[in-house]
């Protein structure tokens, strides 16, 4: 393994292939975890590009990594993977060669199990499943002043059990057609008994109302296209629908049911 200078590669892409004054240039970083479902990701709400740290190796050429960076830059103007995006993507020289290189490398990782063991998210902590109210859940999340805020109009009554949890691990879920999808997770969240507010209307902006916060570095939100972890609604207690959240202790036999579902 080696450490590629991601910032240098990024600047070279910007100089050689993506000269534009239309947009604010995104920030960029390696992913914290090994992303194997995708090579990179553009986070629109943070204007930030994440590149899978699995590509931080001498087994992948710099040009292959550059091709991923270029692809993610295109998502500033084209959110969907459509004909227009693929047409612009082909401007990158020898793109098919680098796509083949990336696929071959990822296939070898999965076959040879070269990666470190995955993190056990929330291990040793109290886990809370929290339902975001809308399918367009990214509209419920506000990043401001290096924190994530869960936006809400109405005040939520949190039980003392929730308010007294020390540094909980929260799994964000969204309901769609009888299935809950995991759309993100946050470590060390803060829950407030009363609705809090940050005033921006006096400056011509929008006010932020919230009862849950977390530091941005402790949060990870998935784009809708990457939400593939599905849990049947029936596996959760009615308390989730009533309260909007449940603790892991509230879902007895949950994991045994969930794990058995694909084999039924």
Protein backbone atom coordinates (compact mmCIF):
# COMPACT_ATOMS: atom_id res chain seq x y z
CA UNK A 1 0.00 0.00 0.00
CA UNK A 2 1.00 3.60 -0.49
CA UNK A 3 -0.39 7.03 0.29
CA UNK A 4 -1.43 8.87 -2.86
CA UNK A 5 -1.52 12.64 -2.64
CA UNK A 6 -5.23 13.05 -3.31
CA UNK A 7 -5.10 16.85 -3.24
CA UNK A 8 -2.40 16.94 -5.93
CA UNK A 9 -4.36 14.56 -8.15
CA UNK A 10 -7.46 16.67 -7.61
CA UNK A 11 -5.72 19.90 -8.56
CA UNK A 12 -4.36 18.27 -11.72
CA UNK A 13 -7.88 17.21 -12.71
CA UNK A 14 -9.20 20.70 -12.09
CA UNK A 15 -6.42 22.22 -14.19
CA UNK A 16 -6.47 19.74 -17.07
CA UNK A 17 -10.09 18.61 -17.41
CA UNK A 18 -12.50 20.72 -15.35
CA UNK A 19 -11.91 24.41 -15.85
CA UNK A 20 -15.10 26.25 -14.87
CA UNK A 21 -16.21 29.42 -13.14
CA UNK A 22 -19.82 28.24 -12.82
CA UNK A 23 -19.44 26.46 -9.48
CA UNK A 24 -17.64 26.70 -6.18
CA UNK A 25 -14.89 24.08 -6.28
CA UNK A 26 -15.75 21.18 -3.90
CA UNK A 27 -13.52 19.94 -1.13
CA UNK A 28 -12.21 16.39 -1.37
CA UNK A 29 -11.07 13.59 0.97
CA UNK A 30 -10.58 9.85 1.17
CA UNK A 31 -13.48 7.94 2.71
CA UNK A 32 -13.20 6.89 6.35
CA UNK A 33 -14.31 3.36 5.50
CA UNK A 34 -13.55 1.15 2.53
CA UNK A 35 -16.34 1.92 0.07
CA UNK A 36 -16.83 -1.11 -2.16
CA UNK A 37 -20.22 -0.23 -3.67
CA UNK A 38 -18.76 2.78 -5.49
CA UNK A 39 -15.41 4.38 -6.29
CA UNK A 40 -16.43 7.83 -5.13
CA UNK A 41 -19.33 9.99 -4.08
CA UNK A 42 -20.29 13.65 -4.50
CA UNK A 43 -22.13 15.02 -1.47
CA UNK A 44 -24.27 17.83 -2.85
CA UNK A 45 -25.33 19.14 0.57
CA UNK A 46 -21.69 19.62 1.63
CA UNK A 47 -20.20 20.28 -1.82
CA UNK A 48 -17.67 17.59 -0.97
CA UNK A 49 -16.17 14.69 -2.90
CA UNK A 50 -15.28 11.43 -1.17
CA UNK A 51 -12.99 8.94 -2.91
CA UNK A 52 -12.94 5.34 -1.66
CA UNK A 53 -9.78 4.83 0.34
CA UNK A 54 -9.54 1.40 -1.25
CA UNK A 55 -8.06 3.29 -4.23
CA UNK A 56 -5.24 4.70 -2.09
CA UNK A 57 -2.82 2.02 -3.29
CA UNK A 58 -0.04 1.54 -5.82
CA UNK A 59 -2.18 -1.20 -7.38
CA UNK A 60 -4.33 1.53 -8.95
CA UNK A 61 -2.87 4.11 -11.34
CA UNK A 62 -3.07 7.82 -10.63
CA UNK A 63 -4.98 8.29 -13.90
CA UNK A 64 -7.64 5.80 -12.79
CA UNK A 65 -8.14 7.78 -9.57
CA UNK A 66 -8.27 10.98 -11.61
CA UNK A 67 -11.03 9.50 -13.75
CA UNK A 68 -13.08 8.93 -10.58
CA UNK A 69 -12.44 12.49 -9.39
CA UNK A 70 -13.52 13.84 -12.77
CA UNK A 71 -16.72 11.78 -12.69
CA UNK A 72 -17.64 13.10 -9.25
CA UNK A 73 -16.96 16.69 -10.33
CA UNK A 74 -19.53 16.26 -13.10
CA UNK A 75 -22.19 15.64 -10.46
CA UNK A 76 -22.04 19.32 -9.55
CA UNK A 77 -24.03 20.11 -12.69
CA UNK A 78 -25.58 16.70 -13.44
CA UNK A 79 -27.01 14.87 -10.43
CA UNK A 80 -28.32 11.82 -12.28
CA UNK A 81 -26.35 9.21 -14.19
CA UNK A 82 -27.83 10.04 -17.58
CA UNK A 83 -26.75 10.30 -21.23
CA UNK A 84 -25.53 13.86 -20.80
CA UNK A 85 -23.27 12.92 -17.88
CA UNK A 86 -21.83 9.91 -19.70
CA UNK A 87 -21.20 12.06 -22.77
CA UNK A 88 -19.21 14.57 -20.73
CA UNK A 89 -17.46 11.77 -18.87
CA UNK A 90 -16.05 10.44 -22.16
CA UNK A 91 -14.03 13.64 -22.52
CA UNK A 92 -11.63 12.08 -20.02
CA UNK A 93 -8.87 10.39 -22.08
CA UNK A 94 -8.81 6.57 -22.28
CA UNK A 95 -11.77 6.37 -19.93
CA UNK A 96 -12.67 2.78 -20.86
CA UNK A 97 -9.16 1.61 -19.93
CA UNK A 98 -9.39 3.14 -16.47
CA UNK A 99 -12.92 1.84 -15.89
CA UNK A 100 -11.66 -1.64 -16.70
CA UNK A 101 -8.69 -1.16 -14.35
CA UNK A 102 -10.94 -0.03 -11.49
CA UNK A 103 -13.37 -2.91 -11.95
CA UNK A 104 -10.56 -5.46 -12.09
CA UNK A 105 -9.02 -4.07 -8.90
CA UNK A 106 -12.31 -4.01 -6.97
CA UNK A 107 -13.07 -7.56 -8.10
CA UNK A 108 -9.68 -8.68 -6.78
CA UNK A 109 -10.35 -7.03 -3.40
CA UNK A 110 -13.64 -8.84 -2.99
CA UNK A 111 -12.13 -12.15 -4.07
CA UNK A 112 -8.93 -12.01 -2.02
CA UNK A 113 -10.35 -10.17 1.01
CA UNK A 114 -7.46 -7.72 1.15
CA UNK A 115 -9.21 -5.13 3.28
CA UNK A 116 -9.14 -4.56 7.01
CA UNK A 117 -12.08 -5.99 8.98
CA UNK A 118 -15.07 -3.63 8.79
CA UNK A 119 -15.88 -1.37 11.71
CA UNK A 120 -18.62 -2.53 14.05
CA UNK A 121 -20.78 0.57 14.01
CA UNK A 122 -22.19 1.46 17.40
CA UNK A 123 -20.43 -1.37 19.20
CA UNK A 124 -20.59 -0.84 22.95
CA UNK A 125 -23.06 2.08 22.62
CA UNK A 126 -26.80 2.50 22.91
CA UNK A 127 -28.25 2.32 19.40
CA UNK A 128 -31.28 4.43 18.48
CA UNK A 129 -33.26 3.99 15.26
CA UNK A 130 -34.70 7.38 14.31
CA UNK A 131 -37.25 7.80 11.51
CA UNK A 132 -36.82 10.86 9.32
CA UNK A 133 -40.29 12.04 8.24
CA UNK A 134 -39.80 12.44 4.49
CA UNK A 135 -38.59 10.27 1.61
CA UNK A 136 -36.64 13.34 0.51
CA UNK A 137 -34.70 13.03 3.74
CA UNK A 138 -31.79 15.21 2.67
CA UNK A 139 -34.18 18.13 3.05
CA UNK A 140 -34.49 17.25 6.76
CA UNK A 141 -30.74 17.48 7.33
CA UNK A 142 -28.97 20.81 7.69
CA UNK A 143 -25.19 21.18 7.86
CA UNK A 144 -24.25 24.42 9.58
CA UNK A 145 -21.21 25.58 11.53
CA UNK A 146 -19.57 22.11 11.37
CA UNK A 147 -22.65 20.37 12.81
CA UNK A 148 -25.56 18.34 11.52
CA UNK A 149 -29.03 19.49 12.56
CA UNK A 150 -32.20 17.45 12.10
CA UNK A 151 -34.68 20.05 10.88
CA UNK A 152 -38.22 19.88 12.27
CA UNK A 153 -41.24 22.15 12.43
CA UNK A 154 -43.04 20.44 15.33
CA UNK A 155 -41.61 19.79 18.76
CA UNK A 156 -40.95 16.13 19.58
CA UNK A 157 -41.40 14.72 23.08
CA UNK A 158 -38.35 12.59 23.83
CA UNK A 159 -38.53 10.18 26.75
CA UNK A 160 -36.09 10.48 29.63
CA UNK A 161 -34.66 7.19 28.39
CA UNK A 162 -33.54 8.95 25.21
CA UNK A 163 -32.48 12.21 26.84
CA UNK A 164 -30.33 10.41 29.41
CA UNK A 165 -28.42 8.26 26.91
CA UNK A 166 -24.76 9.23 26.92
CA UNK A 167 -23.35 9.60 23.39
CA UNK A 168 -25.82 7.35 21.53
CA UNK A 169 -25.24 5.88 18.09
CA UNK A 170 -28.17 6.91 15.87
CA UNK A 171 -29.21 5.06 12.72
CA UNK A 172 -31.33 7.25 10.42
CA UNK A 173 -34.13 5.42 8.62
CA UNK A 174 -36.81 6.36 6.09
CA UNK A 175 -40.05 4.47 5.34
CA UNK A 176 -40.99 3.80 1.72
CA UNK A 177 -43.72 1.37 0.61
CA UNK A 178 -43.58 -0.76 3.75
CA UNK A 179 -39.79 -0.93 3.92
CA UNK A 180 -37.42 1.06 6.10
CA UNK A 181 -34.17 2.06 4.42
CA UNK A 182 -31.06 2.98 6.37
CA UNK A 183 -30.04 6.37 4.97
CA UNK A 184 -27.20 7.23 7.34
CA UNK A 185 -25.82 7.09 10.85
CA UNK A 186 -24.35 9.46 13.42
CA UNK A 187 -22.18 8.90 16.47
CA UNK A 188 -22.44 10.93 19.68
CA UNK A 189 -25.74 12.71 18.96
CA UNK A 190 -27.29 15.26 21.30
CA UNK A 191 -31.04 15.18 21.96
CA UNK A 192 -32.87 18.22 23.38
CA UNK A 193 -36.11 18.14 25.36
CA UNK A 194 -37.32 21.39 23.76
CA UNK A 195 -37.12 22.65 20.19
CA UNK A 196 -34.04 24.77 19.59
CA UNK A 197 -33.76 27.51 17.00
CA UNK A 198 -31.03 29.31 15.09
CA UNK A 199 -32.27 32.63 13.71
CA UNK A 200 -31.28 33.50 10.17
CA UNK A 201 -34.46 35.25 8.98
CA UNK A 202 -33.19 38.57 10.29
CA UNK A 203 -30.39 38.28 7.74
CA UNK A 204 -32.73 37.23 4.92
CA UNK A 205 -32.09 33.49 5.35
CA UNK A 206 -34.00 30.56 6.83
CA UNK A 207 -34.36 29.76 10.53
CA UNK A 208 -33.16 26.31 11.65
CA UNK A 209 -35.39 24.45 14.13
CA UNK A 210 -33.99 21.28 15.64
CA UNK A 211 -33.88 18.90 18.61
CA UNK A 212 -31.02 16.67 17.48
CA UNK A 213 -27.44 17.62 16.60
CA UNK A 214 -24.16 15.88 15.94
CA UNK A 215 -20.72 16.98 14.82
CA UNK A 216 -20.37 16.71 11.05
CA UNK A 217 -17.31 14.45 11.32
CA UNK A 218 -19.41 11.93 13.28
CA UNK A 219 -22.12 11.74 10.60
CA UNK A 220 -22.51 9.88 7.35
CA UNK A 221 -25.53 10.35 5.12
CA UNK A 222 -26.13 8.22 2.03
CA UNK A 223 -27.39 9.52 -1.28
CA UNK A 224 -30.74 7.90 -2.19
CA UNK A 225 -29.15 5.84 -4.97
CA UNK A 226 -26.85 4.22 -2.38
CA UNK A 227 -29.57 3.25 0.14
CA UNK A 228 -29.60 -0.53 -0.24
CA UNK A 229 -29.97 -1.72 3.37
CA UNK A 230 -33.68 -2.54 3.69
CA UNK A 231 -35.66 -3.59 6.79
CA UNK A 232 -39.29 -4.68 6.63
CA UNK A 233 -41.65 -2.36 8.51
CA UNK A 234 -43.16 -5.31 10.38
CA UNK A 235 -39.85 -5.98 12.12
CA UNK A 236 -40.15 -2.77 14.13
CA UNK A 237 -42.56 -2.30 17.07
CA UNK A 238 -45.54 0.05 16.78
CA UNK A 239 -43.66 2.38 19.10
CA UNK A 240 -41.56 3.51 16.15
CA UNK A 241 -44.60 4.76 14.26
CA UNK A 242 -45.98 6.45 17.38
CA UNK A 243 -42.80 8.04 18.73
CA UNK A 244 -40.60 8.29 15.65
CA UNK A 245 -37.74 6.42 17.31
CA UNK A 246 -36.91 3.19 19.13
CA UNK A 247 -33.95 1.90 21.11
CA UNK A 248 -32.34 -1.38 20.17
CA UNK A 249 -33.79 -2.84 23.41
CA UNK A 250 -37.28 -2.15 22.01
CA UNK A 251 -36.80 -4.49 19.06
CA UNK A 252 -36.52 -7.97 20.51
CA UNK A 253 -35.72 -10.71 18.00
CA UNK A 254 -35.15 -7.96 15.44
CA UNK A 255 -31.74 -9.05 14.27
CA UNK A 256 -32.66 -12.73 14.02
CA UNK A 257 -35.66 -11.83 11.86
CA UNK A 258 -33.69 -9.38 9.76
CA UNK A 259 -30.87 -11.82 9.09
CA UNK A 260 -33.32 -14.59 8.19
CA UNK A 261 -35.35 -12.44 5.77
CA UNK A 262 -33.23 -12.98 2.60
CA UNK A 263 -33.44 -16.76 3.04
CA UNK A 264 -37.20 -17.09 3.51
